[in-house]
Amino acid sequence: MPDLSERLGFIIEGAQGIDRLVDGLTSYSIALQIERQAFQAAPMEVLLRTVLAKLDKDLRGNGAEVTYGKLPRVTGEPDRLIQVFDHLIHNALQHRGEAAPSIHISAERQAARWLFAVRDNGPGVEAAYLETIFKPFERLHGGQPTGPGLGLTVCREIVERHGGKMWAESQAGCGATFFFTLPAAED
């Protein structure tokens, strides 16, 4: 029978798990409430820098390197677009290989849209699971209770509510690249 300190440890661990789940569900609920009338020209480089400042301690603690090219303005809801970068970078820190995380973000114009790519050097994802990772509560790397399993679900929902698409390309052991499209801001 576990002693009192072990039982308290189980209780605290369970409460922390519930707290992460509530945070994840709140994030998902907010993503579902995007209103097009709140859309504006959103400078993606500024939004990314906001995320990098927020994650600075985690990035430095993991020896992570984040690089990016010139990023455009898009039409969207800035707070939700920040969530996309936040989740993708956070995932790259959580699901990392043995090397320090290396993340590169780029954008390419495609007619009236921008195609963004967020590439990492993590363990990658087998092709059979590239759609599964966007489903709520799905985990590919068991034993990692660091989040509720909603980050990529939230990202895809935000992107789709902005009229874009989101997908991933990867090979196991070779990192992953998350792609998403967003409408270009009118100049």
N, C-alpha and C. Protein backbone atom coordinates (compact mmCIF):
# COMPACT_ATOMS: atom_id res chain seq x y z
N MET A 1 0.85 -1.18 0.00
CA MET A 1 0.00 0.00 0.00
C MET A 1 0.90 1.24 0.00
N PRO A 2 0.61 2.21 -0.90
CA PRO A 2 1.42 3.42 -0.96
C PRO A 2 1.32 4.24 0.32
N ASP A 3 2.43 4.86 0.69
CA ASP A 3 2.40 5.72 1.87
C ASP A 3 1.75 7.06 1.52
N LEU A 4 1.60 7.89 2.53
CA LEU A 4 0.90 9.16 2.36
C LEU A 4 1.55 10.05 1.30
N SER A 5 2.88 10.13 1.28
CA SER A 5 3.53 11.00 0.30
C SER A 5 3.31 10.49 -1.12
N GLU A 6 3.29 9.17 -1.31
CA GLU A 6 3.02 8.61 -2.64
C GLU A 6 1.59 8.91 -3.07
N ARG A 7 0.65 8.76 -2.16
CA ARG A 7 -0.75 9.06 -2.48
C ARG A 7 -0.93 10.54 -2.82
N LEU A 8 -0.27 11.42 -2.05
CA LEU A 8 -0.35 12.84 -2.36
C LEU A 8 0.27 13.13 -3.73
N GLY A 9 1.35 12.43 -4.04
CA GLY A 9 1.97 12.59 -5.36
C GLY A 9 1.00 12.21 -6.47
N PHE A 10 0.27 11.10 -6.30
CA PHE A 10 -0.72 10.68 -7.30
C PHE A 10 -1.82 11.73 -7.44
N ILE A 11 -2.25 12.28 -6.32
CA ILE A 11 -3.32 13.29 -6.34
C ILE A 11 -2.84 14.54 -7.07
N ILE A 12 -1.63 14.99 -6.75
CA ILE A 12 -1.09 16.19 -7.39
C ILE A 12 -0.90 15.96 -8.89
N GLU A 13 -0.38 14.80 -9.25
CA GLU A 13 -0.18 14.48 -10.66
C GLU A 13 -1.51 14.45 -11.40
N GLY A 14 -2.53 13.87 -10.78
CA GLY A 14 -3.85 13.82 -11.39
C GLY A 14 -4.45 15.21 -11.55
N ALA A 15 -4.28 16.06 -10.54
CA ALA A 15 -4.80 17.42 -10.61
C ALA A 15 -4.09 18.21 -11.70
N GLN A 16 -2.78 18.02 -11.85
CA GLN A 16 -2.04 18.71 -12.91
C GLN A 16 -2.52 18.24 -14.29
N GLY A 17 -2.81 16.96 -14.41
CA GLY A 17 -3.34 16.44 -15.68
C GLY A 17 -4.69 17.04 -16.01
N ILE A 18 -5.54 17.17 -15.01
CA ILE A 18 -6.86 17.78 -15.22
C ILE A 18 -6.69 19.25 -15.60
N ASP A 19 -5.75 19.94 -14.96
CA ASP A 19 -5.49 21.34 -15.28
C ASP A 19 -5.05 21.49 -16.73
N ARG A 20 -4.15 20.61 -17.20
CA ARG A 20 -3.69 20.66 -18.60
C ARG A 20 -4.86 20.37 -19.55
N LEU A 21 -5.72 19.43 -19.19
CA LEU A 21 -6.87 19.11 -20.02
C LEU A 21 -7.82 20.30 -20.12
N VAL A 22 -8.10 20.95 -19.01
CA VAL A 22 -8.98 22.12 -19.01
C VAL A 22 -8.37 23.23 -19.86
N ASP A 23 -7.05 23.46 -19.73
CA ASP A 23 -6.39 24.48 -20.55
C ASP A 23 -6.51 24.14 -22.04
N GLY A 24 -6.31 22.87 -22.39
CA GLY A 24 -6.42 22.44 -23.78
C GLY A 24 -7.82 22.60 -24.32
N LEU A 25 -8.82 22.21 -23.52
CA LEU A 25 -10.21 22.35 -23.96
C LEU A 25 -10.61 23.82 -24.09
N THR A 26 -10.09 24.66 -23.20
CA THR A 26 -10.36 26.09 -23.30
C THR A 26 -9.77 26.65 -24.59
N SER A 27 -8.53 26.26 -24.89
CA SER A 27 -7.87 26.70 -26.12
C SER A 27 -8.67 26.25 -27.34
N TYR A 28 -9.16 25.02 -27.32
CA TYR A 28 -9.95 24.50 -28.43
C TYR A 28 -11.26 25.26 -28.56
N SER A 29 -11.90 25.53 -27.44
CA SER A 29 -13.16 26.27 -27.45
C SER A 29 -12.96 27.67 -28.02
N ILE A 30 -11.87 28.33 -27.65
CA ILE A 30 -11.58 29.66 -28.17
C ILE A 30 -11.34 29.60 -29.68
N ALA A 31 -10.65 28.57 -30.13
CA ALA A 31 -10.38 28.41 -31.56
C ALA A 31 -11.68 28.29 -32.36
N LEU A 32 -12.70 27.72 -31.76
CA LEU A 32 -13.99 27.55 -32.43
C LEU A 32 -14.79 28.84 -32.51
N GLN A 33 -14.36 29.87 -31.78
CA GLN A 33 -15.13 31.11 -31.71
C GLN A 33 -14.54 32.23 -32.56
N ILE A 34 -13.79 31.88 -33.57
CA ILE A 34 -13.20 32.90 -34.44
C ILE A 34 -14.31 33.57 -35.25
N GLU A 35 -14.29 34.90 -35.23
CA GLU A 35 -15.29 35.67 -35.96
C GLU A 35 -14.60 36.44 -37.07
N ARG A 36 -15.05 36.28 -38.29
CA ARG A 36 -14.42 36.91 -39.45
C ARG A 36 -14.38 38.44 -39.34
N GLN A 37 -15.36 39.04 -38.65
CA GLN A 37 -15.33 40.50 -38.53
C GLN A 37 -14.15 40.97 -37.67
N ALA A 38 -13.51 40.07 -36.95
CA ALA A 38 -12.32 40.43 -36.15
C ALA A 38 -11.04 40.30 -36.97
N PHE A 39 -11.14 39.84 -38.22
CA PHE A 39 -9.96 39.67 -39.06
C PHE A 39 -9.35 41.03 -39.40
N GLN A 40 -8.05 41.04 -39.50
CA GLN A 40 -7.32 42.25 -39.86
C GLN A 40 -6.01 41.84 -40.51
N ALA A 41 -5.27 42.80 -41.02
CA ALA A 41 -3.95 42.51 -41.55
C ALA A 41 -3.05 42.16 -40.36
N ALA A 42 -2.53 40.94 -40.37
CA ALA A 42 -1.74 40.44 -39.25
C ALA A 42 -0.29 40.21 -39.71
N PRO A 43 0.66 40.93 -39.12
CA PRO A 43 2.07 40.76 -39.49
C PRO A 43 2.64 39.50 -38.83
N MET A 44 2.81 38.46 -39.61
CA MET A 44 3.20 37.16 -39.05
C MET A 44 4.57 37.20 -38.37
N GLU A 45 5.48 38.03 -38.86
CA GLU A 45 6.79 38.11 -38.20
C GLU A 45 6.66 38.68 -36.79
N VAL A 46 5.82 39.67 -36.61
CA VAL A 46 5.59 40.24 -35.28
C VAL A 46 4.92 39.21 -34.38
N LEU A 47 3.96 38.47 -34.92
CA LEU A 47 3.28 37.45 -34.12
C LEU A 47 4.26 36.36 -33.70
N LEU A 48 5.14 35.95 -34.62
CA LEU A 48 6.14 34.93 -34.30
C LEU A 48 7.08 35.44 -33.22
N ARG A 49 7.53 36.68 -33.33
CA ARG A 49 8.43 37.23 -32.30
C ARG A 49 7.76 37.26 -30.93
N THR A 50 6.45 37.50 -30.91
CA THR A 50 5.70 37.48 -29.65
C THR A 50 5.78 36.09 -29.03
N VAL A 51 5.59 35.07 -29.84
CA VAL A 51 5.66 33.68 -29.36
C VAL A 51 7.07 33.35 -28.89
N LEU A 52 8.07 33.75 -29.65
CA LEU A 52 9.46 33.46 -29.27
C LEU A 52 9.81 34.12 -27.95
N ALA A 53 9.32 35.33 -27.71
CA ALA A 53 9.57 36.00 -26.44
C ALA A 53 8.89 35.24 -25.30
N LYS A 54 7.67 34.78 -25.54
CA LYS A 54 6.93 34.02 -24.51
C LYS A 54 7.63 32.71 -24.19
N LEU A 55 8.18 32.04 -25.19
CA LEU A 55 8.81 30.73 -25.01
C LEU A 55 10.31 30.82 -24.78
N ASP A 56 10.84 32.02 -24.61
CA ASP A 56 12.29 32.22 -24.51
C ASP A 56 12.96 31.30 -23.49
N LYS A 57 12.40 31.21 -22.31
CA LYS A 57 12.99 30.38 -21.26
C LYS A 57 13.05 28.91 -21.69
N ASP A 58 11.95 28.40 -22.25
CA ASP A 58 11.92 27.00 -22.73
C ASP A 58 12.87 26.79 -23.89
N LEU A 59 12.94 27.76 -24.80
CA LEU A 59 13.84 27.64 -25.94
C LEU A 59 15.29 27.58 -25.47
N ARG A 60 15.67 28.50 -24.58
CA ARG A 60 17.04 28.50 -24.06
C ARG A 60 17.32 27.24 -23.25
N GLY A 61 16.35 26.82 -22.45
CA GLY A 61 16.52 25.63 -21.62
C GLY A 61 16.73 24.35 -22.43
N ASN A 62 16.21 24.33 -23.64
CA ASN A 62 16.36 23.17 -24.52
C ASN A 62 17.49 23.34 -25.53
N GLY A 63 18.17 24.48 -25.47
CA GLY A 63 19.22 24.75 -26.45
C GLY A 63 18.68 24.85 -27.86
N ALA A 64 17.42 25.27 -27.98
CA ALA A 64 16.74 25.30 -29.28
C ALA A 64 17.17 26.48 -30.12
N GLU A 65 17.18 26.27 -31.42
CA GLU A 65 17.45 27.33 -32.38
C GLU A 65 16.21 27.49 -33.26
N VAL A 66 15.72 28.71 -33.34
CA VAL A 66 14.58 29.01 -34.21
C VAL A 66 15.04 30.04 -35.23
N THR A 67 14.90 29.69 -36.50
CA THR A 67 15.25 30.61 -37.58
C THR A 67 14.01 30.83 -38.42
N TYR A 68 14.01 31.95 -39.11
CA TYR A 68 12.88 32.22 -40.01
C TYR A 68 13.30 33.22 -41.07
N GLY A 69 12.62 33.10 -42.20
CA GLY A 69 12.82 34.04 -43.29
C GLY A 69 11.85 35.19 -43.14
N LYS A 70 11.79 36.02 -44.15
CA LYS A 70 10.85 37.15 -44.14
C LYS A 70 9.43 36.58 -44.14
N LEU A 71 8.63 37.03 -43.19
CA LEU A 71 7.26 36.54 -43.07
C LEU A 71 6.29 37.66 -43.45
N PRO A 72 5.21 37.31 -44.14
CA PRO A 72 4.28 38.30 -44.68
C PRO A 72 3.19 38.70 -43.70
N ARG A 73 2.35 39.61 -44.18
CA ARG A 73 1.10 39.94 -43.49
C ARG A 73 0.02 39.05 -44.11
N VAL A 74 -0.86 38.57 -43.26
CA VAL A 74 -1.99 37.77 -43.72
C VAL A 74 -3.26 38.40 -43.17
N THR A 75 -4.38 37.92 -43.64
CA THR A 75 -5.66 38.37 -43.11
C THR A 75 -6.11 37.35 -42.07
N GLY A 76 -6.31 37.82 -40.84
CA GLY A 76 -6.71 36.88 -39.81
C GLY A 76 -6.87 37.53 -38.46
N GLU A 77 -7.08 36.69 -37.48
CA GLU A 77 -7.27 37.11 -36.09
C GLU A 77 -5.93 36.89 -35.39
N PRO A 78 -5.19 37.96 -35.07
CA PRO A 78 -3.83 37.82 -34.56
C PRO A 78 -3.68 36.90 -33.35
N ASP A 79 -4.55 36.99 -32.37
CA ASP A 79 -4.40 36.15 -31.17
C ASP A 79 -4.50 34.67 -31.51
N ARG A 80 -5.35 34.31 -32.45
CA ARG A 80 -5.47 32.90 -32.83
C ARG A 80 -4.25 32.46 -33.64
N LEU A 81 -3.73 33.34 -34.50
CA LEU A 81 -2.55 33.00 -35.29
C LEU A 81 -1.32 32.82 -34.39
N ILE A 82 -1.27 33.59 -33.31
CA ILE A 82 -0.21 33.39 -32.31
C ILE A 82 -0.30 31.98 -31.75
N GLN A 83 -1.52 31.51 -31.50
CA GLN A 83 -1.70 30.14 -30.98
C GLN A 83 -1.10 29.10 -31.91
N VAL A 84 -1.24 29.30 -33.21
CA VAL A 84 -0.71 28.33 -34.17
C VAL A 84 0.81 28.23 -34.01
N PHE A 85 1.50 29.36 -34.04
CA PHE A 85 2.95 29.34 -33.86
C PHE A 85 3.32 28.76 -32.50
N ASP A 86 2.60 29.16 -31.47
CA ASP A 86 2.88 28.69 -30.11
C ASP A 86 2.81 27.16 -30.03
N HIS A 87 1.73 26.59 -30.54
CA HIS A 87 1.57 25.13 -30.48
C HIS A 87 2.63 24.41 -31.30
N LEU A 88 2.91 24.90 -32.49
CA LEU A 88 3.88 24.22 -33.35
C LEU A 88 5.29 24.27 -32.76
N ILE A 89 5.68 25.40 -32.23
CA ILE A 89 7.02 25.50 -31.62
C ILE A 89 7.08 24.70 -30.33
N HIS A 90 6.03 24.78 -29.54
CA HIS A 90 5.98 24.00 -28.29
C HIS A 90 6.07 22.50 -28.59
N ASN A 91 5.37 22.05 -29.63
CA ASN A 91 5.45 20.63 -30.01
C ASN A 91 6.86 20.24 -30.40
N ALA A 92 7.55 21.11 -31.13
CA ALA A 92 8.92 20.81 -31.54
C ALA A 92 9.84 20.68 -30.33
N LEU A 93 9.55 21.43 -29.27
CA LEU A 93 10.34 21.31 -28.04
C LEU A 93 10.00 20.03 -27.29
N GLN A 94 8.73 19.69 -27.25
CA GLN A 94 8.28 18.49 -26.53
C GLN A 94 8.71 17.21 -27.22
N HIS A 95 8.51 17.15 -28.50
CA HIS A 95 8.77 15.93 -29.28
C HIS A 95 10.07 16.11 -30.04
N ARG A 96 11.13 16.01 -29.32
CA ARG A 96 12.44 16.28 -29.89
C ARG A 96 13.27 15.02 -29.96
N GLY A 97 14.27 15.08 -30.79
CA GLY A 97 15.22 13.98 -30.87
C GLY A 97 16.32 14.19 -29.84
N GLU A 98 17.44 13.52 -30.07
CA GLU A 98 18.55 13.66 -29.13
C GLU A 98 19.28 14.98 -29.31
N ALA A 99 19.29 15.51 -30.52
CA ALA A 99 19.94 16.80 -30.78
C ALA A 99 19.07 17.94 -30.26
N ALA A 100 19.70 19.07 -30.02
CA ALA A 100 18.94 20.26 -29.61
C ALA A 100 17.92 20.58 -30.70
N PRO A 101 16.73 21.02 -30.31
CA PRO A 101 15.71 21.34 -31.32
C PRO A 101 16.17 22.45 -32.27
N SER A 102 15.89 22.22 -33.53
CA SER A 102 16.15 23.21 -34.58
C SER A 102 14.85 23.38 -35.35
N ILE A 103 14.35 24.61 -35.39
CA ILE A 103 13.05 24.89 -36.00
C ILE A 103 13.25 26.00 -37.03
N HIS A 104 12.71 25.79 -38.22
CA HIS A 104 12.80 26.84 -39.25
C HIS A 104 11.40 27.12 -39.78
N ILE A 105 11.08 28.40 -39.89
CA ILE A 105 9.77 28.84 -40.36
C ILE A 105 9.96 29.65 -41.63
N SER A 106 9.18 29.32 -42.65
CA SER A 106 9.28 30.04 -43.92
C SER A 106 7.89 30.26 -44.49
N ALA A 107 7.81 31.14 -45.47
CA ALA A 107 6.54 31.42 -46.15
C ALA A 107 6.80 31.65 -47.62
N GLU A 108 5.85 31.20 -48.44
CA GLU A 108 5.96 31.33 -49.89
C GLU A 108 4.60 31.77 -50.43
N ARG A 109 4.60 32.77 -51.28
CA ARG A 109 3.35 33.29 -51.85
C ARG A 109 2.81 32.31 -52.88
N GLN A 110 1.51 32.04 -52.80
CA GLN A 110 0.81 31.19 -53.78
C GLN A 110 -0.50 31.88 -54.14
N ALA A 111 -0.46 32.69 -55.17
CA ALA A 111 -1.62 33.46 -55.63
C ALA A 111 -2.13 34.34 -54.48
N ALA A 112 -3.37 34.16 -54.04
CA ALA A 112 -3.95 35.01 -52.99
C ALA A 112 -3.69 34.46 -51.60
N ARG A 113 -2.82 33.47 -51.49
CA ARG A 113 -2.53 32.83 -50.21
C ARG A 113 -1.04 32.82 -49.93
N TRP A 114 -0.74 32.57 -48.68
CA TRP A 114 0.65 32.30 -48.28
C TRP A 114 0.71 30.87 -47.76
N LEU A 115 1.75 30.17 -48.16
CA LEU A 115 2.01 28.82 -47.67
C LEU A 115 3.14 28.93 -46.65
N PHE A 116 2.85 28.57 -45.42
CA PHE A 116 3.83 28.58 -44.34
C PHE A 116 4.33 27.16 -44.11
N ALA A 117 5.59 27.06 -43.72
CA ALA A 117 6.18 25.77 -43.36
C ALA A 117 6.93 25.94 -42.04
N VAL A 118 6.66 25.05 -41.10
CA VAL A 118 7.36 25.03 -39.82
C VAL A 118 8.04 23.66 -39.75
N ARG A 119 9.35 23.67 -39.94
CA ARG A 119 10.13 22.43 -40.01
C ARG A 119 10.92 22.25 -38.73
N ASP A 120 10.94 21.00 -38.22
CA ASP A 120 11.72 20.70 -37.02
C ASP A 120 12.63 19.51 -37.28
N ASN A 121 13.52 19.25 -36.36
CA ASN A 121 14.46 18.12 -36.48
C ASN A 121 14.15 17.02 -35.48
N GLY A 122 12.89 16.92 -35.07
CA GLY A 122 12.49 15.91 -34.08
C GLY A 122 12.47 14.51 -34.64
N PRO A 123 11.84 13.59 -33.92
CA PRO A 123 11.83 12.19 -34.32
C PRO A 123 11.00 11.89 -35.56
N GLY A 124 10.19 12.85 -35.98
CA GLY A 124 9.37 12.63 -37.17
C GLY A 124 8.14 11.79 -36.88
N VAL A 125 7.36 11.58 -37.91
CA VAL A 125 6.09 10.86 -37.81
C VAL A 125 6.02 9.90 -38.99
N GLU A 126 5.65 8.67 -38.71
CA GLU A 126 5.47 7.71 -39.81
C GLU A 126 4.30 8.16 -40.67
N ALA A 127 4.41 7.92 -41.97
CA ALA A 127 3.40 8.37 -42.94
C ALA A 127 1.98 7.93 -42.56
N ALA A 128 1.85 6.75 -42.00
CA ALA A 128 0.52 6.24 -41.65
C ALA A 128 -0.17 7.08 -40.57
N TYR A 129 0.59 7.89 -39.83
CA TYR A 129 0.02 8.66 -38.72
C TYR A 129 -0.08 10.15 -39.00
N LEU A 130 0.21 10.57 -40.21
CA LEU A 130 0.23 12.01 -40.50
C LEU A 130 -1.14 12.67 -40.37
N GLU A 131 -2.21 11.95 -40.53
CA GLU A 131 -3.55 12.51 -40.31
C GLU A 131 -3.97 12.31 -38.85
N THR A 132 -3.55 11.22 -38.26
CA THR A 132 -3.92 10.90 -36.88
C THR A 132 -3.47 11.98 -35.91
N ILE A 133 -2.31 12.57 -36.15
CA ILE A 133 -1.77 13.56 -35.20
C ILE A 133 -2.64 14.80 -35.08
N PHE A 134 -3.56 15.01 -36.01
CA PHE A 134 -4.45 16.18 -35.94
C PHE A 134 -5.77 15.87 -35.23
N LYS A 135 -5.95 14.63 -34.81
CA LYS A 135 -7.18 14.25 -34.11
C LYS A 135 -7.05 14.55 -32.62
N PRO A 136 -8.15 14.96 -31.98
CA PRO A 136 -8.08 15.29 -30.55
C PRO A 136 -7.65 14.09 -29.71
N PHE A 137 -6.81 14.36 -28.74
CA PHE A 137 -6.36 13.40 -27.72
C PHE A 137 -5.49 12.27 -28.26
N GLU A 138 -5.10 12.33 -29.53
CA GLU A 138 -4.25 11.28 -30.10
C GLU A 138 -2.79 11.56 -29.75
N ARG A 139 -2.09 10.51 -29.36
CA ARG A 139 -0.68 10.63 -29.02
C ARG A 139 0.07 9.53 -29.75
N LEU A 140 1.17 9.91 -30.34
CA LEU A 140 2.01 8.91 -31.00
C LEU A 140 3.13 8.44 -30.09
N HIS A 141 3.55 9.32 -29.20
CA HIS A 141 4.67 9.00 -28.32
C HIS A 141 4.12 8.78 -26.92
N GLY A 142 3.75 7.55 -26.62
CA GLY A 142 3.15 7.22 -25.33
C GLY A 142 4.07 7.58 -24.18
N GLY A 143 3.48 7.74 -23.03
CA GLY A 143 4.25 8.02 -21.84
C GLY A 143 4.68 9.47 -21.69
N GLN A 144 4.18 10.35 -22.53
CA GLN A 144 4.51 11.77 -22.42
C GLN A 144 3.26 12.55 -22.02
N PRO A 145 2.99 12.65 -20.74
CA PRO A 145 1.77 13.32 -20.28
C PRO A 145 1.91 14.83 -20.22
N THR A 146 2.66 15.43 -21.14
CA THR A 146 2.95 16.86 -21.04
C THR A 146 1.81 17.75 -21.53
N GLY A 147 0.84 17.23 -22.21
CA GLY A 147 -0.27 18.04 -22.69
C GLY A 147 -1.48 17.17 -22.94
N PRO A 148 -2.62 17.80 -23.22
CA PRO A 148 -3.84 17.04 -23.41
C PRO A 148 -3.99 16.40 -24.78
N GLY A 149 -3.08 16.66 -25.70
CA GLY A 149 -3.20 16.08 -27.03
C GLY A 149 -4.15 16.85 -27.92
N LEU A 150 -4.21 18.17 -27.73
CA LEU A 150 -5.12 19.01 -28.52
C LEU A 150 -4.40 20.07 -29.35
N GLY A 151 -3.10 20.23 -29.19
CA GLY A 151 -2.38 21.31 -29.86
C GLY A 151 -2.54 21.34 -31.36
N LEU A 152 -2.30 20.22 -32.02
CA LEU A 152 -2.42 20.20 -33.49
C LEU A 152 -3.87 20.28 -33.93
N THR A 153 -4.78 19.77 -33.12
CA THR A 153 -6.21 19.89 -33.41
C THR A 153 -6.60 21.37 -33.41
N VAL A 154 -6.14 22.09 -32.40
CA VAL A 154 -6.42 23.52 -32.29
C VAL A 154 -5.82 24.26 -33.48
N CYS A 155 -4.56 23.95 -33.83
CA CYS A 155 -3.91 24.61 -34.97
C CYS A 155 -4.72 24.43 -36.25
N ARG A 156 -5.10 23.20 -36.53
CA ARG A 156 -5.84 22.94 -37.77
C ARG A 156 -7.18 23.67 -37.75
N GLU A 157 -7.84 23.68 -36.62
CA GLU A 157 -9.14 24.35 -36.52
C GLU A 157 -8.99 25.84 -36.79
N ILE A 158 -7.98 26.45 -36.20
CA ILE A 158 -7.74 27.89 -36.42
C ILE A 158 -7.47 28.16 -37.90
N VAL A 159 -6.58 27.38 -38.48
CA VAL A 159 -6.22 27.59 -39.90
C VAL A 159 -7.46 27.42 -40.79
N GLU A 160 -8.24 26.37 -40.55
CA GLU A 160 -9.42 26.14 -41.38
C GLU A 160 -10.46 27.25 -41.20
N ARG A 161 -10.59 27.78 -39.99
CA ARG A 161 -11.54 28.87 -39.78
C ARG A 161 -11.05 30.18 -40.40
N HIS A 162 -9.80 30.20 -40.79
CA HIS A 162 -9.26 31.34 -41.54
C HIS A 162 -9.33 31.08 -43.05
N GLY A 163 -9.93 29.97 -43.44
CA GLY A 163 -10.06 29.64 -44.86
C GLY A 163 -8.86 28.92 -45.44
N GLY A 164 -7.98 28.42 -44.57
CA GLY A 164 -6.78 27.73 -45.04
C GLY A 164 -6.84 26.24 -44.82
N LYS A 165 -5.72 25.60 -45.09
CA LYS A 165 -5.58 24.16 -44.90
C LYS A 165 -4.30 23.92 -44.11
N MET A 166 -4.25 22.79 -43.40
CA MET A 166 -3.06 22.43 -42.63
C MET A 166 -2.79 20.95 -42.78
N TRP A 167 -1.51 20.61 -42.95
CA TRP A 167 -1.11 19.22 -43.07
C TRP A 167 0.35 19.09 -42.64
N ALA A 168 0.81 17.86 -42.56
CA ALA A 168 2.20 17.61 -42.18
C ALA A 168 2.83 16.64 -43.16
N GLU A 169 4.14 16.77 -43.32
CA GLU A 169 4.94 15.82 -44.08
C GLU A 169 6.10 15.41 -43.20
N SER A 170 6.42 14.12 -43.23
CA SER A 170 7.48 13.64 -42.35
C SER A 170 7.86 12.22 -42.72
N GLN A 171 8.99 11.82 -42.20
CA GLN A 171 9.42 10.43 -42.21
C GLN A 171 9.97 10.16 -40.82
N ALA A 172 9.70 9.00 -40.30
CA ALA A 172 10.19 8.66 -38.96
C ALA A 172 11.71 8.84 -38.92
N GLY A 173 12.17 9.53 -37.89
CA GLY A 173 13.59 9.77 -37.71
C GLY A 173 14.15 10.96 -38.46
N CYS A 174 13.31 11.65 -39.23
CA CYS A 174 13.81 12.76 -40.08
C CYS A 174 13.11 14.08 -39.83
N GLY A 175 12.56 14.28 -38.67
CA GLY A 175 11.87 15.54 -38.39
C GLY A 175 10.52 15.60 -39.09
N ALA A 176 9.84 16.71 -38.91
CA ALA A 176 8.53 16.91 -39.51
C ALA A 176 8.42 18.35 -40.00
N THR A 177 7.60 18.55 -41.02
CA THR A 177 7.29 19.89 -41.50
C THR A 177 5.78 20.04 -41.48
N PHE A 178 5.32 21.07 -40.80
CA PHE A 178 3.90 21.38 -40.74
C PHE A 178 3.64 22.54 -41.68
N PHE A 179 2.73 22.32 -42.61
CA PHE A 179 2.38 23.32 -43.61
C PHE A 179 0.99 23.86 -43.31
N PHE A 180 0.80 25.15 -43.57
CA PHE A 180 -0.55 25.72 -43.49
C PHE A 180 -0.64 26.91 -44.42
N THR A 181 -1.84 27.12 -44.93
CA THR A 181 -2.08 28.26 -45.83
C THR A 181 -3.00 29.27 -45.13
N LEU A 182 -2.77 30.52 -45.45
CA LEU A 182 -3.60 31.61 -44.93
C LEU A 182 -3.77 32.64 -46.04
N PRO A 183 -4.91 33.35 -46.04
CA PRO A 183 -5.13 34.36 -47.07
C PRO A 183 -4.18 35.55 -46.91
N ALA A 184 -3.64 36.02 -48.02
CA ALA A 184 -2.74 37.16 -48.01
C ALA A 184 -3.53 38.42 -47.63
N ALA A 185 -2.88 39.30 -46.90
CA ALA A 185 -3.50 40.60 -46.59
C ALA A 185 -3.45 41.47 -47.84
N GLU A 186 -4.48 42.28 -48.00
CA GLU A 186 -4.48 43.21 -49.13
C GLU A 186 -3.51 44.32 -48.84
N ASP A 187 -2.69 44.64 -49.81
CA ASP A 187 -1.68 45.70 -49.63
C ASP A 187 -2.26 47.06 -49.88
